Amino acid sequence: MDEQSFMPTYGRFPVALVSGKGATAQDTEGKTYIDFTSGIGVNCLGYCHEGWVDAVCKQASTLQHISNLYYNPASENLAHTLCQAAGYSKVFLCNSGAEANECAIKLARKYGTDTYGEGHDQIITLCNSFHGRTVTTLAATGQDVFHTYFTPFTEGFAYAEPNMESVRSQVTERTCAVMVEFVQGEGGVLPLEEEFVRELGEFCREKGILLMADEVQTGVGRTGTLYCWEQYGVKPDVLTSAKGLGGGLPIGACLCSEELAGVLGKSMHGSTFGGNPVVCAGAQYVLDTVNRPEFLEQVKKTGKLFWEQLEQIPEISQVRGKGLMLGAVLTKGTAAQVATACAEKGLLVLTAKSVLRFLPPLNITPEEIQAGMKILKEVLAAL
């Protein structure tokens, strides 16, 4: 049925999941799987977390959608909570990380035009970055492999290596913003160097250039703080969020500082489904749960345990990442081979280029980690 109905855009594993609880999923045949992927970082509280399910069901049975022509407490409450928690002035709610990044790009170009005049619209992104699959966010993505077939792209992007010499060489009088991922997820789980981020923040302030952070994958507790910028001590002017924010429902958010609060005015941007009450109810529960010191501290401890378990495996030569966003470099076999073999044995893992990538639920238990690691060790030893 899948092959008959879907465009063949996904390289699927031979797994058909129908239910789940915590970090354990079950397929159509009753086979169970330990899930180290959480839907590519989306199910941050695991499958069917009771509090999240209750919040979503309650809202779904009350009011499922109204459009942004009217006010609604569910979306207003989430916007207030998110701005307060993340430390920003205003937010635009949409449906995905790509849309959040589109909003950030429009905001930056409007800021450049308002502040410096027409033509100040260039945005610098980093080589090896990934910002989405729309035509514009593909243009922002600093990887040639994603650019094949889809030209002409939206103009106005330049790519720099993650060092200041390269960034300076790309900045022109047209530059209005620099956009980064603090940990390049699709690029191979590569954290940026702290010194580079510090110097970049100072450079942007001196030049009057916006610093924008794509925290679609690193945000909402994934790296051990609510947002990853906190660990670098360099606060972006614009921050985008998605994935784990909804806990399993589609959401995106573009947050901005007080200085940028009025850049986008009425009718300059919009989203039919953005701020959907049901999605917002789920996201509200996620933030209320994740944004607590004891929860975030537990993420750090769990991430340390996960890291240590990976380091003990002989077939893994390097572990990198932050919190529960980790990558493992293999000494033999390919990441795709290992991921396929793991799925056959009952473990779901991700890949990012040549590395294994792990994005387990933030509340995964030590027992679930041990069960998954046992399978991973068996698969790697059998290569």
Protein backbone atom coordinates (compact mmCIF):
# COMPACT_ATOMS: atom_id res chain seq x y z
CA MET A 1 0.00 0.00 0.00
CA ASP A 2 2.85 2.37 0.82
CA GLU A 3 4.48 1.86 -2.57
CA GLN A 4 1.15 2.26 -4.36
CA SER A 5 0.21 5.55 -2.71
CA PHE A 6 3.28 7.52 -1.63
CA MET A 7 5.83 9.39 -3.69
CA PRO A 8 9.03 7.40 -3.08
CA THR A 9 10.76 10.19 -1.14
CA TYR A 10 11.71 8.17 1.97
CA GLY A 11 14.24 5.39 2.41
CA ARG A 12 12.23 3.47 4.96
CA PHE A 13 13.43 0.67 7.23
CA PRO A 14 11.30 -2.52 7.01
CA VAL A 15 9.46 -1.63 10.21
CA ALA A 16 5.75 -0.77 10.55
CA LEU A 17 5.03 0.74 13.98
CA VAL A 18 1.53 0.91 15.42
CA SER A 19 1.90 1.69 19.14
CA GLY A 20 4.36 2.71 21.79
CA LYS A 21 4.97 3.66 25.42
CA GLY A 22 8.01 5.49 26.74
CA ALA A 23 11.01 4.57 24.59
CA THR A 24 9.51 1.27 23.44
CA ALA A 25 7.51 0.85 20.22
CA GLN A 26 5.58 -2.11 18.81
CA ASP A 27 5.06 -3.12 15.19
CA THR A 28 2.15 -4.74 13.35
CA GLU A 29 3.42 -8.22 14.26
CA GLY A 30 3.77 -7.49 17.98
CA LYS A 31 7.57 -7.16 17.89
CA THR A 32 8.99 -4.51 20.23
CA TYR A 33 11.73 -1.98 19.55
CA ILE A 34 13.83 0.22 21.81
CA ASP A 35 13.67 3.65 20.20
CA PHE A 36 16.82 5.79 20.26
CA THR A 37 15.33 8.19 17.66
CA SER A 38 12.12 9.65 19.20
CA GLY A 39 10.85 10.41 15.70
CA ILE A 40 14.03 12.36 14.87
CA GLY A 41 13.88 14.24 18.15
CA VAL A 42 10.14 14.93 18.11
CA ASN A 43 8.77 12.60 20.81
CA CYS A 44 10.81 14.27 23.52
CA LEU A 45 8.72 12.67 26.29
CA GLY A 46 8.55 9.31 24.53
CA TYR A 47 5.49 7.59 23.18
CA CYS A 48 2.08 8.42 24.65
CA HIS A 49 3.20 10.20 27.81
CA GLU A 50 0.04 10.26 29.92
CA GLY A 51 0.08 13.95 30.82
CA TRP A 52 0.73 14.98 27.24
CA VAL A 53 -2.02 12.69 25.93
CA ASP A 54 -4.50 14.11 28.44
CA ALA A 55 -3.64 17.71 27.51
CA VAL A 56 -4.00 17.04 23.78
CA CYS A 57 -7.23 15.03 24.12
CA LYS A 58 -8.82 17.63 26.38
CA GLN A 59 -8.13 20.40 23.88
CA ALA A 60 -9.17 18.25 20.90
CA SER A 61 -12.53 17.61 22.53
CA THR A 62 -12.99 21.34 23.25
CA LEU A 63 -11.79 23.26 20.18
CA GLN A 64 -9.57 21.84 17.46
CA HIS A 65 -8.97 24.87 15.20
CA ILE A 66 -10.10 28.48 14.74
CA SER A 67 -7.47 30.18 12.49
CA ASN A 68 -5.43 33.21 13.48
CA LEU A 69 -8.28 35.63 12.79
CA TYR A 70 -9.36 35.14 16.40
CA TYR A 71 -7.74 34.95 19.82
CA ASN A 72 -7.42 31.65 21.66
CA PRO A 73 -6.09 30.99 25.20
CA ALA A 74 -4.20 27.84 24.19
CA SER A 75 -1.98 29.67 21.70
CA GLU A 76 -1.63 32.82 23.82
CA ASN A 77 -0.61 30.78 26.87
CA LEU A 78 2.00 28.88 24.88
CA ALA A 79 3.41 32.04 23.32
CA HIS A 80 3.74 33.67 26.74
CA THR A 81 5.30 30.57 28.32
CA LEU A 82 7.76 30.07 25.46
CA CYS A 83 8.90 33.70 25.36
CA GLN A 84 9.35 33.79 29.12
CA ALA A 85 11.18 30.46 29.26
CA ALA A 86 13.49 31.16 26.32
CA GLY A 87 14.09 34.80 27.20
CA TYR A 88 12.65 36.46 24.09
CA SER A 89 10.14 39.21 23.42
CA LYS A 90 7.93 37.89 20.61
CA VAL A 91 7.22 34.63 18.81
CA PHE A 92 5.64 33.52 15.54
CA LEU A 93 4.09 30.05 15.62
CA CYS A 94 3.99 27.82 12.56
CA ASN A 95 4.11 24.10 11.72
CA SER A 96 7.72 23.00 11.20
CA GLY A 97 11.38 23.85 11.53
CA ALA A 98 11.64 24.84 7.88
CA GLU A 99 8.76 27.29 8.29
CA ALA A 100 10.32 28.72 11.43
CA ASN A 101 13.55 29.27 9.50
CA GLU A 102 11.61 30.86 6.62
CA CYS A 103 10.15 33.32 9.14
CA ALA A 104 13.63 34.05 10.52
CA ILE A 105 14.94 34.71 6.99
CA LYS A 106 12.08 37.10 6.20
CA LEU A 107 12.55 38.87 9.53
CA ALA A 108 16.29 39.30 8.90
CA ARG A 109 15.77 40.71 5.41
CA LYS A 110 13.08 43.10 6.59
CA TYR A 111 15.42 44.20 9.40
CA GLY A 112 18.24 44.74 6.90
CA THR A 113 16.01 46.83 4.64
CA ASP A 114 14.53 48.86 7.51
CA THR A 115 17.90 49.51 9.13
CA TYR A 116 20.33 49.91 6.24
CA GLY A 117 18.22 50.30 3.11
CA GLU A 118 17.27 48.27 0.06
CA GLY A 119 19.67 45.47 -0.86
CA HIS A 120 20.86 44.63 2.65
CA ASP A 121 19.50 41.10 2.41
CA GLN A 122 22.42 38.65 2.40
CA ILE A 123 22.49 35.90 5.03
CA ILE A 124 25.61 33.90 5.87
CA THR A 125 25.12 30.25 6.85
CA LEU A 126 27.72 27.62 7.64
CA CYS A 127 29.10 24.89 5.44
CA ASN A 128 27.68 21.52 6.47
CA SER A 129 24.52 23.14 7.83
CA PHE A 130 20.94 22.00 7.31
CA HIS A 131 17.99 24.39 7.59
CA GLY A 132 15.08 22.67 5.84
CA ARG A 133 13.69 21.39 2.53
CA THR A 134 11.72 24.32 1.16
CA VAL A 135 13.36 26.07 -1.79
CA THR A 136 14.55 28.93 0.42
CA THR A 137 15.76 26.83 3.36
CA LEU A 138 17.53 24.52 0.91
CA ALA A 139 19.30 27.62 -0.39
CA ALA A 140 20.27 28.40 3.21
CA THR A 141 21.61 24.86 3.71
CA GLY A 142 25.37 24.70 3.27
CA GLN A 143 25.56 21.24 1.70
CA ASP A 144 25.79 20.75 -2.06
CA VAL A 145 24.19 17.30 -1.84
CA PHE A 146 20.84 18.94 -1.03
CA HIS A 147 21.07 21.41 -3.92
CA THR A 148 20.92 18.97 -6.82
CA TYR A 149 17.85 19.21 -9.11
CA PHE A 150 16.06 22.12 -7.43
CA THR A 151 17.62 25.24 -8.89
CA PRO A 152 17.06 28.12 -9.31
CA PHE A 153 17.21 28.79 -5.58
CA THR A 154 16.29 31.85 -3.59
CA GLU A 155 19.23 34.24 -3.87
CA GLY A 156 21.07 36.03 -1.09
CA PHE A 157 22.91 33.26 0.76
CA ALA A 158 26.65 32.73 1.21
CA TYR A 159 28.40 29.87 3.01
CA ALA A 160 31.28 30.07 5.46
CA GLU A 161 33.36 27.48 7.25
CA PRO A 162 32.82 27.50 11.04
CA ASN A 163 35.71 29.87 11.75
CA MET A 164 35.93 33.64 11.90
CA GLU A 165 38.38 34.03 9.02
CA SER A 166 35.90 32.37 6.69
CA VAL A 167 32.91 34.30 8.07
CA ARG A 168 34.69 37.62 7.65
CA SER A 169 35.59 36.75 4.07
CA GLN A 170 31.91 36.20 3.21
CA VAL A 171 30.46 39.26 4.91
CA THR A 172 29.74 42.21 2.60
CA GLU A 173 27.93 45.52 2.96
CA ARG A 174 24.78 43.59 1.97
CA THR A 175 24.97 41.16 4.92
CA CYS A 176 22.08 41.40 7.38
CA ALA A 177 22.45 38.16 9.38
CA VAL A 178 24.45 35.04 10.16
CA MET A 179 22.53 31.82 10.85
CA VAL A 180 24.09 28.88 12.70
CA GLU A 181 23.25 25.55 14.31
CA PHE A 182 25.14 25.17 17.60
CA VAL A 183 25.29 21.44 16.91
CA GLN A 184 25.09 20.51 13.24
CA GLY A 185 22.74 17.54 13.41
CA GLU A 186 22.24 16.42 9.81
CA GLY A 187 25.84 17.40 9.16
CA GLY A 188 27.15 14.68 11.47
CA VAL A 189 26.39 15.79 15.07
CA LEU A 190 29.16 18.41 15.14
CA PRO A 191 29.12 21.00 17.96
CA LEU A 192 30.53 24.43 17.13
CA GLU A 193 33.68 25.48 18.96
CA GLU A 194 32.93 27.73 21.93
CA GLU A 195 35.60 30.28 20.98
CA PHE A 196 34.17 30.60 17.48
CA VAL A 197 30.64 31.20 18.80
CA ARG A 198 31.92 33.82 21.27
CA GLU A 199 33.88 35.66 18.57
CA LEU A 200 30.97 35.41 16.15
CA GLY A 201 28.61 36.96 18.69
CA GLU A 202 30.99 39.88 19.26
CA PHE A 203 31.53 40.34 15.53
CA CYS A 204 27.80 40.44 14.78
CA ARG A 205 27.20 43.01 17.52
CA GLU A 206 30.02 45.23 16.25
CA LYS A 207 28.77 45.08 12.67
CA GLY A 208 25.07 45.43 13.43
CA ILE A 209 24.44 42.01 11.91
CA LEU A 210 21.80 39.70 13.37
CA LEU A 211 22.92 36.41 14.90
CA MET A 212 20.25 33.79 14.24
CA ALA A 213 20.25 30.27 15.70
CA ASP A 214 18.49 27.29 14.18
CA GLU A 215 17.65 25.29 17.31
CA VAL A 216 15.10 23.09 15.59
CA GLN A 217 16.96 19.95 16.71
CA THR A 218 19.02 21.23 19.65
CA GLY A 219 16.16 22.98 21.47
CA VAL A 220 13.65 22.09 24.18
CA GLY A 221 16.09 20.35 26.53
CA ARG A 222 17.73 18.14 23.91
CA THR A 223 21.29 19.20 24.83
CA GLY A 224 20.72 19.53 28.58
CA THR A 225 19.55 23.15 28.69
CA LEU A 226 16.25 24.48 27.40
CA TYR A 227 18.10 25.89 24.40
CA CYS A 228 21.66 25.13 23.43
CA TRP A 229 22.79 28.77 23.24
CA GLU A 230 22.74 28.84 27.04
CA GLN A 231 25.76 26.52 27.09
CA TYR A 232 27.70 28.91 24.84
CA GLY A 233 26.70 32.06 26.70
CA VAL A 234 25.94 33.85 23.42
CA LYS A 235 22.28 34.75 23.02
CA PRO A 236 21.04 34.94 19.41
CA ASP A 237 18.87 37.83 18.24
CA VAL A 238 16.57 35.31 16.54
CA LEU A 239 15.99 31.68 17.54
CA THR A 240 13.99 29.00 15.76
CA SER A 241 12.49 25.95 17.44
CA ALA A 242 10.42 22.93 16.38
CA LYS A 243 10.69 19.11 16.65
CA GLY A 244 10.56 18.34 20.40
CA LEU A 245 8.52 21.47 21.17
CA GLY A 246 5.26 19.78 20.17
CA GLY A 247 6.00 16.46 21.83
CA GLY A 248 4.72 14.62 18.74
CA LEU A 249 2.53 17.17 16.95
CA PRO A 250 3.75 19.54 14.21
CA ILE A 251 4.89 22.94 15.43
CA GLY A 252 7.51 25.54 14.67
CA ALA A 253 8.42 28.77 16.43
CA CYS A 254 10.51 31.80 15.51
CA LEU A 255 11.47 33.91 18.52
CA CYS A 256 13.04 37.35 18.44
CA SER A 257 14.51 39.96 20.78
CA GLU A 258 12.75 43.13 21.89
CA GLU A 259 14.69 45.14 19.28
CA LEU A 260 13.10 43.06 16.52
CA ALA A 261 9.62 42.77 18.02
CA GLY A 262 7.96 45.10 15.51
CA VAL A 263 9.89 44.23 12.34
CA LEU A 264 7.16 42.02 10.85
CA GLY A 265 3.83 43.81 10.85
CA LYS A 266 0.28 42.88 9.92
CA SER A 267 -0.10 40.79 6.74
CA MET A 268 3.67 40.43 6.26
CA HIS A 269 3.62 36.80 7.37
CA GLY A 270 1.09 34.17 8.38
CA SER A 271 0.21 30.51 8.77
CA THR A 272 -3.19 28.84 8.52
CA PHE A 273 -2.35 26.11 11.02
CA GLY A 274 0.22 28.03 13.07
CA GLY A 275 -0.81 28.24 16.73
CA ASN A 276 -3.34 25.42 16.37
CA PRO A 277 -4.99 24.95 19.79
CA VAL A 278 -4.46 21.17 19.98
CA VAL A 279 -0.79 21.45 19.05
CA CYS A 280 -0.32 24.32 21.48
CA ALA A 281 -1.87 22.30 24.31
CA GLY A 282 0.69 19.57 23.69
CA ALA A 283 3.55 22.06 23.47
CA GLN A 284 2.39 23.76 26.67
CA TYR A 285 2.61 20.44 28.50
CA VAL A 286 6.07 19.80 27.03
CA LEU A 287 7.42 23.16 28.20
CA ASP A 288 5.85 22.83 31.65
CA THR A 289 7.51 19.41 31.98
CA VAL A 290 10.90 20.01 30.40
CA ASN A 291 11.67 23.51 31.62
CA ARG A 292 12.37 22.50 35.20
CA PRO A 293 15.87 22.41 36.69
CA GLU A 294 15.50 18.85 37.94
CA PHE A 295 14.33 17.60 34.52
CA LEU A 296 17.16 19.30 32.63
CA GLU A 297 19.68 18.04 35.16
CA GLN A 298 18.41 14.53 34.58
CA VAL A 299 18.87 14.97 30.83
CA LYS A 300 22.52 15.83 31.46
CA LYS A 301 22.98 12.78 33.68
CA THR A 302 21.25 10.50 31.18
CA GLY A 303 23.33 11.96 28.37
CA LYS A 304 26.51 11.25 30.34
CA LEU A 305 25.38 7.64 30.90
CA PHE A 306 24.54 7.25 27.20
CA TRP A 307 27.93 8.71 26.20
CA GLU A 308 29.83 6.42 28.57
CA GLN A 309 27.99 3.36 27.28
CA LEU A 310 28.89 4.25 23.68
CA GLU A 311 32.55 4.86 24.58
CA GLN A 312 32.83 1.34 25.95
CA ILE A 313 32.00 -0.25 22.58
CA PRO A 314 35.21 -1.28 20.73
CA GLU A 315 33.68 -0.65 17.29
CA ILE A 316 33.07 3.03 18.13
CA SER A 317 36.10 5.31 17.82
CA GLN A 318 34.55 8.65 18.79
CA VAL A 319 31.46 10.00 20.52
CA ARG A 320 30.41 13.62 20.03
CA GLY A 321 27.47 15.88 20.73
CA LYS A 322 25.74 17.37 23.76
CA GLY A 323 23.16 16.02 26.20
CA LEU A 324 20.97 13.49 24.45
CA MET A 325 21.98 14.56 20.95
CA LEU A 326 24.89 12.24 20.26
CA GLY A 327 26.81 10.84 17.33
CA ALA A 328 29.11 7.81 17.15
CA VAL A 329 31.93 7.30 14.65
CA LEU A 330 32.33 3.66 13.61
CA THR A 331 35.57 1.73 13.12
CA LYS A 332 33.98 -0.70 10.66
CA GLY A 333 30.83 -1.03 8.62
CA THR A 334 28.68 1.91 7.52
CA ALA A 335 26.13 3.79 9.56
CA ALA A 336 23.38 2.69 7.16
CA GLN A 337 24.37 -0.98 7.52
CA VAL A 338 24.38 -0.75 11.29
CA ALA A 339 21.05 1.09 11.45
CA THR A 340 19.42 -1.56 9.25
CA ALA A 341 20.86 -4.42 11.31
CA CYS A 342 19.75 -2.73 14.55
CA ALA A 343 16.18 -2.41 13.27
CA GLU A 344 16.14 -6.14 12.48
CA LYS A 345 17.23 -6.86 16.07
CA GLY A 346 14.73 -4.48 17.69
CA LEU A 347 16.62 -1.18 18.07
CA LEU A 348 15.86 2.05 16.19
CA VAL A 349 18.79 4.38 15.54
CA LEU A 350 19.47 7.25 13.14
CA THR A 351 22.31 8.14 10.81
CA ALA A 352 23.91 11.47 9.93
CA LYS A 353 26.31 11.12 7.03
CA SER A 354 28.85 8.51 8.17
CA VAL A 355 27.94 8.49 11.87
CA LEU A 356 25.27 6.83 13.96
CA ARG A 357 23.00 9.46 15.48
CA PHE A 358 21.05 9.11 18.72
CA LEU A 359 18.09 11.29 19.76
CA PRO A 360 16.30 9.20 22.41
CA PRO A 361 13.38 10.53 24.46
CA LEU A 362 14.59 12.98 27.10
CA ASN A 363 13.00 10.84 29.83
CA ILE A 364 14.41 7.51 28.61
CA THR A 365 15.15 5.19 31.54
CA PRO A 366 18.52 3.57 32.34
CA GLU A 367 16.87 0.20 31.76
CA GLU A 368 15.78 1.20 28.26
CA ILE A 369 19.27 2.49 27.51
CA GLN A 370 20.84 -0.77 28.67
CA ALA A 371 18.42 -2.83 26.57
CA GLY A 372 19.20 -0.78 23.49
CA MET A 373 22.94 -0.81 24.08
CA LYS A 374 22.90 -4.59 24.38
CA ILE A 375 21.44 -4.83 20.87
CA LEU A 376 23.84 -2.23 19.48
CA LYS A 377 26.85 -4.10 20.91
CA GLU A 378 25.64 -7.38 19.41
CA VAL A 379 25.14 -5.81 15.99
CA LEU A 380 28.53 -4.10 15.96
CA ALA A 381 30.35 -7.21 17.21
CA ALA A 382 28.78 -9.25 14.39
CA LEU A 383 29.97 -6.95 11.60
